Amino acid sequence: PFWGQTVASLGVGTSPILRKDLTAEKLVAAIRTATSDEAMKARARVLGEKIRSEDGVARAVEIFHRHLPNY
């Protein structure tokens, strides 16, 4: 699970739980950690601010146009 591992490595979420290992108890524990760990929540706020400050749509359009053939 690429994005789950990315979230965990950034410290803004818990480690991913593989579907075969998922239980209600593990899911509850992960949600509790993500919503109560103050350091994790602070990192998530900082990351959210960074993401909101980027002009993602304009950047995506720029990259898309750069890769179009020149006719």
PDB file of N, CA and C in Angstrom:
ATOM      1  N   PRO A   1       0.833  -1.203   0.000  1.00  0.00           N
ATOM      2  CA  PRO A   1       0.000   0.000   0.000  1.00  0.00           C
ATOM      3  C   PRO A   1       0.872   1.259   0.000  1.00  0.00           C
ATOM      4  N   PHE A   2       1.149   1.751  -1.189  1.00  0.00           N
ATOM      5  CA  PHE A   2       2.073   2.871  -1.363  1.00  0.00           C
ATOM      6  C   PHE A   2       1.658   4.096  -0.558  1.00  0.00           C
ATOM      7  N   TRP A   3       0.422   4.548  -0.724  1.00  0.00           N
ATOM      8  CA  TRP A   3       0.024   5.793  -0.061  1.00  0.00           C
ATOM      9  C   TRP A   3      -0.059   5.638   1.447  1.00  0.00           C
ATOM     10  N   GLY A   4      -0.479   4.491   1.913  1.00  0.00           N
ATOM     11  CA  GLY A   4      -0.503   4.257   3.354  1.00  0.00           C
ATOM     12  C   GLY A   4       0.887   4.324   3.953  1.00  0.00           C
ATOM     13  N   GLN A   5       1.853   3.731   3.256  1.00  0.00           N
ATOM     14  CA  GLN A   5       3.230   3.773   3.736  1.00  0.00           C
ATOM     15  C   GLN A   5       3.783   5.188   3.650  1.00  0.00           C
ATOM     16  N   THR A   6       3.411   5.922   2.608  1.00  0.00           N
ATOM     17  CA  THR A   6       3.856   7.306   2.468  1.00  0.00           C
ATOM     18  C   THR A   6       3.326   8.155   3.618  1.00  0.00           C
ATOM     19  N   VAL A   7       2.054   8.007   3.931  1.00  0.00           N
ATOM     20  CA  VAL A   7       1.442   8.738   5.045  1.00  0.00           C
ATOM     21  C   VAL A   7       2.173   8.416   6.347  1.00  0.00           C
ATOM     22  N   ALA A   8       2.449   7.144   6.569  1.00  0.00           N
ATOM     23  CA  ALA A   8       3.141   6.738   7.796  1.00  0.00           C
ATOM     24  C   ALA A   8       4.567   7.279   7.826  1.00  0.00           C
ATOM     25  N   SER A   9       5.272   7.225   6.699  1.00  0.00           N
ATOM     26  CA  SER A   9       6.664   7.691   6.685  1.00  0.00           C
ATOM     27  C   SER A   9       6.759   9.198   6.889  1.00  0.00           C
ATOM     28  N   LEU A  10       5.712   9.931   6.515  1.00  0.00           N
ATOM     29  CA  LEU A  10       5.673  11.372   6.764  1.00  0.00           C
ATOM     30  C   LEU A  10       5.287  11.677   8.213  1.00  0.00           C
ATOM     31  N   GLY A  11       4.864  10.662   8.929  1.00  0.00           N
ATOM     32  CA  GLY A  11       4.491  10.847  10.328  1.00  0.00           C
ATOM     33  C   GLY A  11       3.134  11.480  10.525  1.00  0.00           C
ATOM     34  N   VAL A  12       2.285  11.403   9.497  1.00  0.00           N
ATOM     35  CA  VAL A  12       0.962  12.019   9.594  1.00  0.00           C
ATOM     36  C   VAL A  12      -0.152  10.980   9.693  1.00  0.00           C
ATOM     37  N   GLY A  13       0.228   9.739   9.863  1.00  0.00           N
ATOM     38  CA  GLY A  13      -0.737   8.662  10.020  1.00  0.00           C
ATOM     39  C   GLY A  13      -0.041   7.420  10.532  1.00  0.00           C
ATOM     40  N   THR A  14      -0.841   6.439  10.868  1.00  0.00           N
ATOM     41  CA  THR A  14      -0.284   5.187  11.376  1.00  0.00           C
ATOM     42  C   THR A  14       0.181   4.312  10.221  1.00  0.00           C
ATOM     43  N   SER A  15       0.917   3.273  10.542  1.00  0.00           N
ATOM     44  CA  SER A  15       1.346   2.326   9.517  1.00  0.00           C
ATOM     45  C   SER A  15       0.131   1.671   8.890  1.00  0.00           C
ATOM     46  N   PRO A  16       0.208   1.386   7.593  1.00  0.00           N
ATOM     47  CA  PRO A  16      -0.941   0.756   6.944  1.00  0.00           C
ATOM     48  C   PRO A  16      -1.199  -0.645   7.506  1.00  0.00           C
ATOM     49  N   ILE A  17      -2.445  -1.027   7.467  1.00  0.00           N
ATOM     50  CA  ILE A  17      -2.853  -2.368   7.888  1.00  0.00           C
ATOM     51  C   ILE A  17      -3.246  -3.121   6.620  1.00  0.00           C
ATOM     52  N   LEU A  18      -2.557  -4.201   6.347  1.00  0.00           N
ATOM     53  CA  LEU A  18      -2.898  -4.991   5.167  1.00  0.00           C
ATOM     54  C   LEU A  18      -4.308  -5.544   5.305  1.00  0.00           C
ATOM     55  N   ARG A  19      -5.004  -5.643   4.196  1.00  0.00           N
ATOM     56  CA  ARG A  19      -6.393  -6.101   4.224  1.00  0.00           C
ATOM     57  C   ARG A  19      -6.513  -7.457   4.920  1.00  0.00           C
ATOM     58  N   LYS A  20      -5.554  -8.349   4.662  1.00  0.00           N
ATOM     59  CA  LYS A  20      -5.631  -9.685   5.269  1.00  0.00           C
ATOM     60  C   LYS A  20      -5.444  -9.637   6.782  1.00  0.00           C
ATOM     61  N   ASP A  21      -4.827  -8.555   7.277  1.00  0.00           N
ATOM     62  CA  ASP A  21      -4.585  -8.409   8.713  1.00  0.00           C
ATOM     63  C   ASP A  21      -5.580  -7.478   9.403  1.00  0.00           C
ATOM     64  N   LEU A  22      -6.478  -6.897   8.624  1.00  0.00           N
ATOM     65  CA  LEU A  22      -7.393  -5.894   9.170  1.00  0.00           C
ATOM     66  C   LEU A  22      -8.443  -6.530  10.075  1.00  0.00           C
ATOM     67  N   THR A  23      -8.565  -5.949  11.254  1.00  0.00           N
ATOM     68  CA  THR A  23      -9.639  -6.324  12.181  1.00  0.00           C
ATOM     69  C   THR A  23     -10.266  -5.029  12.679  1.00  0.00           C
ATOM     70  N   ALA A  24     -11.436  -5.145  13.243  1.00  0.00           N
ATOM     71  CA  ALA A  24     -12.093  -3.964  13.804  1.00  0.00           C
ATOM     72  C   ALA A  24     -11.223  -3.337  14.886  1.00  0.00           C
ATOM     73  N   GLU A  25     -10.601  -4.169  15.694  1.00  0.00           N
ATOM     74  CA  GLU A  25      -9.767  -3.663  16.788  1.00  0.00           C
ATOM     75  C   GLU A  25      -8.563  -2.882  16.260  1.00  0.00           C
ATOM     76  N   LYS A  26      -7.921  -3.408  15.218  1.00  0.00           N
ATOM     77  CA  LYS A  26      -6.762  -2.715  14.646  1.00  0.00           C
ATOM     78  C   LYS A  26      -7.176  -1.392  14.006  1.00  0.00           C
ATOM     79  N   LEU A  27      -8.319  -1.405  13.339  1.00  0.00           N
ATOM     80  CA  LEU A  27      -8.805  -0.179  12.711  1.00  0.00           C
ATOM     81  C   LEU A  27      -9.140   0.872  13.763  1.00  0.00           C
ATOM     82  N   VAL A  28      -9.821   0.469  14.818  1.00  0.00           N
ATOM     83  CA  VAL A  28     -10.156   1.394  15.906  1.00  0.00           C
ATOM     84  C   VAL A  28      -8.885   1.969  16.523  1.00  0.00           C
ATOM     85  N   ALA A  29      -7.891   1.122  16.759  1.00  0.00           N
ATOM     86  CA  ALA A  29      -6.635   1.587  17.355  1.00  0.00           C
ATOM     87  C   ALA A  29      -5.941   2.597  16.445  1.00  0.00           C
ATOM     88  N   ALA A  30      -5.933   2.339  15.142  1.00  0.00           N
ATOM     89  CA  ALA A  30      -5.293   3.256  14.199  1.00  0.00           C
ATOM     90  C   ALA A  30      -6.021   4.598  14.165  1.00  0.00           C
ATOM     91  N   ILE A  31      -7.341   4.560  14.151  1.00  0.00           N
ATOM     92  CA  ILE A  31      -8.123   5.802  14.145  1.00  0.00           C
ATOM     93  C   ILE A  31      -7.909   6.571  15.442  1.00  0.00           C
ATOM     94  N   ARG A  32      -7.894   5.868  16.549  1.00  0.00           N
ATOM     95  CA  ARG A  32      -7.663   6.542  17.838  1.00  0.00           C
ATOM     96  C   ARG A  32      -6.297   7.220  17.857  1.00  0.00           C
ATOM     97  N   THR A  33      -5.286   6.517  17.371  1.00  0.00           N
ATOM     98  CA  THR A  33      -3.945   7.099  17.337  1.00  0.00           C
ATOM     99  C   THR A  33      -3.921   8.330  16.445  1.00  0.00           C
ATOM    100  N   ALA A  34      -4.489   8.212  15.255  1.00  0.00           N
ATOM    101  CA  ALA A  34      -4.459   9.321  14.299  1.00  0.00           C
ATOM    102  C   ALA A  34      -5.219  10.541  14.804  1.00  0.00           C
ATOM    103  N   THR A  35      -6.215  10.333  15.637  1.00  0.00           N
ATOM    104  CA  THR A  35      -7.019  11.464  16.115  1.00  0.00           C
ATOM    105  C   THR A  35      -6.616  11.968  17.489  1.00  0.00           C
ATOM    106  N   SER A  36      -5.713  11.263  18.160  1.00  0.00           N
ATOM    107  CA  SER A  36      -5.332  11.700  19.502  1.00  0.00           C
ATOM    108  C   SER A  36      -3.849  12.014  19.664  1.00  0.00           C
ATOM    109  N   ASP A  37      -3.009  11.532  18.777  1.00  0.00           N
ATOM    110  CA  ASP A  37      -1.568  11.771  18.874  1.00  0.00           C
ATOM    111  C   ASP A  37      -1.287  13.219  18.460  1.00  0.00           C
ATOM    112  N   GLU A  38      -0.949  14.057  19.429  1.00  0.00           N
ATOM    113  CA  GLU A  38      -0.784  15.495  19.165  1.00  0.00           C
ATOM    114  C   GLU A  38       0.357  15.780  18.191  1.00  0.00           C
ATOM    115  N   ALA A  39       1.455  15.047  18.286  1.00  0.00           N
ATOM    116  CA  ALA A  39       2.573  15.265  17.364  1.00  0.00           C
ATOM    117  C   ALA A  39       2.169  14.899  15.939  1.00  0.00           C
ATOM    118  N   MET A  40       1.441  13.810  15.792  1.00  0.00           N
ATOM    119  CA  MET A  40       0.977  13.384  14.473  1.00  0.00           C
ATOM    120  C   MET A  40       0.013  14.419  13.894  1.00  0.00           C
ATOM    121  N   LYS A  41      -0.888  14.911  14.728  1.00  0.00           N
ATOM    122  CA  LYS A  41      -1.842  15.923  14.266  1.00  0.00           C
ATOM    123  C   LYS A  41      -1.129  17.211  13.869  1.00  0.00           C
ATOM    124  N   ALA A  42      -0.096  17.587  14.606  1.00  0.00           N
ATOM    125  CA  ALA A  42       0.661  18.799  14.272  1.00  0.00           C
ATOM    126  C   ALA A  42       1.364  18.634  12.932  1.00  0.00           C
ATOM    127  N   ARG A  43       1.975  17.468  12.705  1.00  0.00           N
ATOM    128  CA  ARG A  43       2.635  17.222  11.418  1.00  0.00           C
ATOM    129  C   ARG A  43       1.618  17.238  10.281  1.00  0.00           C
ATOM    130  N   ALA A  44       0.441  16.691  10.525  1.00  0.00           N
ATOM    131  CA  ALA A  44      -0.608  16.684   9.504  1.00  0.00           C
ATOM    132  C   ALA A  44      -1.061  18.106   9.178  1.00  0.00           C
ATOM    133  N   ARG A  45      -1.154  18.962  10.206  1.00  0.00           N
ATOM    134  CA  ARG A  45      -1.533  20.362   9.959  1.00  0.00           C
ATOM    135  C   ARG A  45      -0.490  21.061   9.092  1.00  0.00           C
ATOM    136  N   VAL A  46       0.782  20.856   9.409  1.00  0.00           N
ATOM    137  CA  VAL A  46       1.863  21.481   8.632  1.00  0.00           C
ATOM    138  C   VAL A  46       1.827  20.977   7.192  1.00  0.00           C
ATOM    139  N   LEU A  47       1.667  19.676   7.016  1.00  0.00           N
ATOM    140  CA  LEU A  47       1.602  19.115   5.668  1.00  0.00           C
ATOM    141  C   LEU A  47       0.397  19.667   4.916  1.00  0.00           C
ATOM    142  N   GLY A  48      -0.738  19.768   5.589  1.00  0.00           N
ATOM    143  CA  GLY A  48      -1.931  20.322   4.959  1.00  0.00           C
ATOM    144  C   GLY A  48      -1.726  21.749   4.495  1.00  0.00           C
ATOM    145  N   GLU A  49      -1.060  22.557   5.310  1.00  0.00           N
ATOM    146  CA  GLU A  49      -0.767  23.938   4.922  1.00  0.00           C
ATOM    147  C   GLU A  49       0.132  23.973   3.694  1.00  0.00           C
ATOM    148  N   LYS A  50       1.121  23.103   3.657  1.00  0.00           N
ATOM    149  CA  LYS A  50       2.031  23.054   2.510  1.00  0.00           C
ATOM    150  C   LYS A  50       1.277  22.663   1.244  1.00  0.00           C
ATOM    151  N   ILE A  51       0.431  21.654   1.341  1.00  0.00           N
ATOM    152  CA  ILE A  51      -0.333  21.206   0.176  1.00  0.00           C
ATOM    153  C   ILE A  51      -1.264  22.312  -0.304  1.00  0.00           C
ATOM    154  N   ARG A  52      -1.938  22.983   0.624  1.00  0.00           N
ATOM    155  CA  ARG A  52      -2.853  24.063   0.234  1.00  0.00           C
ATOM    156  C   ARG A  52      -2.123  25.237  -0.403  1.00  0.00           C
ATOM    157  N   SER A  53      -0.851  25.439  -0.053  1.00  0.00           N
ATOM    158  CA  SER A  53      -0.103  26.570  -0.605  1.00  0.00           C
ATOM    159  C   SER A  53       0.384  26.306  -2.027  1.00  0.00           C
ATOM    160  N   GLU A  54       0.378  25.051  -2.444  1.00  0.00           N
ATOM    161  CA  GLU A  54       0.807  24.713  -3.800  1.00  0.00           C
ATOM    162  C   GLU A  54      -0.356  24.924  -4.758  1.00  0.00           C
ATOM    163  N   ASP A  55      -0.034  25.342  -5.975  1.00  0.00           N
ATOM    164  CA  ASP A  55      -1.066  25.471  -7.004  1.00  0.00           C
ATOM    165  C   ASP A  55      -1.038  24.192  -7.826  1.00  0.00           C
ATOM    166  N   GLY A  56      -1.574  23.127  -7.255  1.00  0.00           N
ATOM    167  CA  GLY A  56      -1.476  21.800  -7.848  1.00  0.00           C
ATOM    168  C   GLY A  56      -2.107  21.679  -9.222  1.00  0.00           C
ATOM    169  N   VAL A  57      -3.254  22.307  -9.430  1.00  0.00           N
ATOM    170  CA  VAL A  57      -3.921  22.205 -10.725  1.00  0.00           C
ATOM    171  C   VAL A  57      -3.084  22.876 -11.801  1.00  0.00           C
ATOM    172  N   ALA A  58      -2.605  24.075 -11.542  1.00  0.00           N
ATOM    173  CA  ALA A  58      -1.784  24.780 -12.528  1.00  0.00           C
ATOM    174  C   ALA A  58      -0.513  23.998 -12.832  1.00  0.00           C
ATOM    175  N   ARG A  59       0.084  23.434 -11.819  1.00  0.00           N
ATOM    176  CA  ARG A  59       1.310  22.639 -12.017  1.00  0.00           C
ATOM    177  C   ARG A  59       1.019  21.402 -12.857  1.00  0.00           C
ATOM    178  N   ALA A  60      -0.086  20.734 -12.598  1.00  0.00           N
ATOM    179  CA  ALA A  60      -0.457  19.546 -13.371  1.00  0.00           C
ATOM    180  C   ALA A  60      -0.699  19.903 -14.835  1.00  0.00           C
ATOM    181  N   VAL A  61      -1.379  21.021 -15.087  1.00  0.00           N
ATOM    182  CA  VAL A  61      -1.629  21.464 -16.462  1.00  0.00           C
ATOM    183  C   VAL A  61      -0.310  21.790 -17.155  1.00  0.00           C
ATOM    184  N   GLU A  62       0.590  22.453 -16.456  1.00  0.00           N
ATOM    185  CA  GLU A  62       1.899  22.784 -17.017  1.00  0.00           C
ATOM    186  C   GLU A  62       2.654  21.514 -17.423  1.00  0.00           C
ATOM    187  N   ILE A  63       2.678  20.527 -16.567  1.00  0.00           N
ATOM    188  CA  ILE A  63       3.372  19.268 -16.869  1.00  0.00           C
ATOM    189  C   ILE A  63       2.691  18.556 -18.034  1.00  0.00           C
ATOM    190  N   PHE A  64       1.372  18.547 -18.038  1.00  0.00           N
ATOM    191  CA  PHE A  64       0.622  17.924 -19.128  1.00  0.00           C
ATOM    192  C   PHE A  64       0.978  18.569 -20.460  1.00  0.00           C
ATOM    193  N   HIS A  65       0.953  19.896 -20.513  1.00  0.00           N
ATOM    194  CA  HIS A  65       1.259  20.600 -21.763  1.00  0.00           C
ATOM    195  C   HIS A  65       2.699  20.397 -22.190  1.00  0.00           C
ATOM    196  N   ARG A  66       3.592  20.302 -21.258  1.00  0.00           N
ATOM    197  CA  ARG A  66       5.000  20.097 -21.577  1.00  0.00           C
ATOM    198  C   ARG A  66       5.214  18.759 -22.290  1.00  0.00           C
ATOM    199  N   HIS A  67       4.357  17.789 -22.020  1.00  0.00           N
ATOM    200  CA  HIS A  67       4.525  16.465 -22.608  1.00  0.00           C
ATOM    201  C   HIS A  67       3.668  16.236 -23.855  1.00  0.00           C
ATOM    202  N   LEU A  68       2.937  17.243 -24.275  1.00  0.00           N
ATOM    203  CA  LEU A  68       2.171  17.123 -25.515  1.00  0.00           C
ATOM    204  C   LEU A  68       3.110  17.258 -26.704  1.00  0.00           C
ATOM    205  N   PRO A  69       2.816  16.543 -27.795  1.00  0.00           N
ATOM    206  CA  PRO A  69       3.658  16.708 -28.993  1.00  0.00           C
ATOM    207  C   PRO A  69       3.476  18.107 -29.574  1.00  0.00           C
ATOM    208  N   ASN A  70       4.522  18.620 -30.161  1.00  0.00           N
ATOM    209  CA  ASN A  70       4.469  19.951 -30.793  1.00  0.00           C
ATOM    210  C   ASN A  70       4.052  19.795 -32.249  1.00  0.00           C
ATOM    211  N   TYR A  71       2.844  20.232 -32.574  1.00  0.00           N
ATOM    212  CA  TYR A  71       2.356  20.165 -33.957  1.00  0.00           C
ATOM    213  C   TYR A  71       2.334  21.533 -34.546  1.00  0.00           C
TER     214      TYR A  71
END
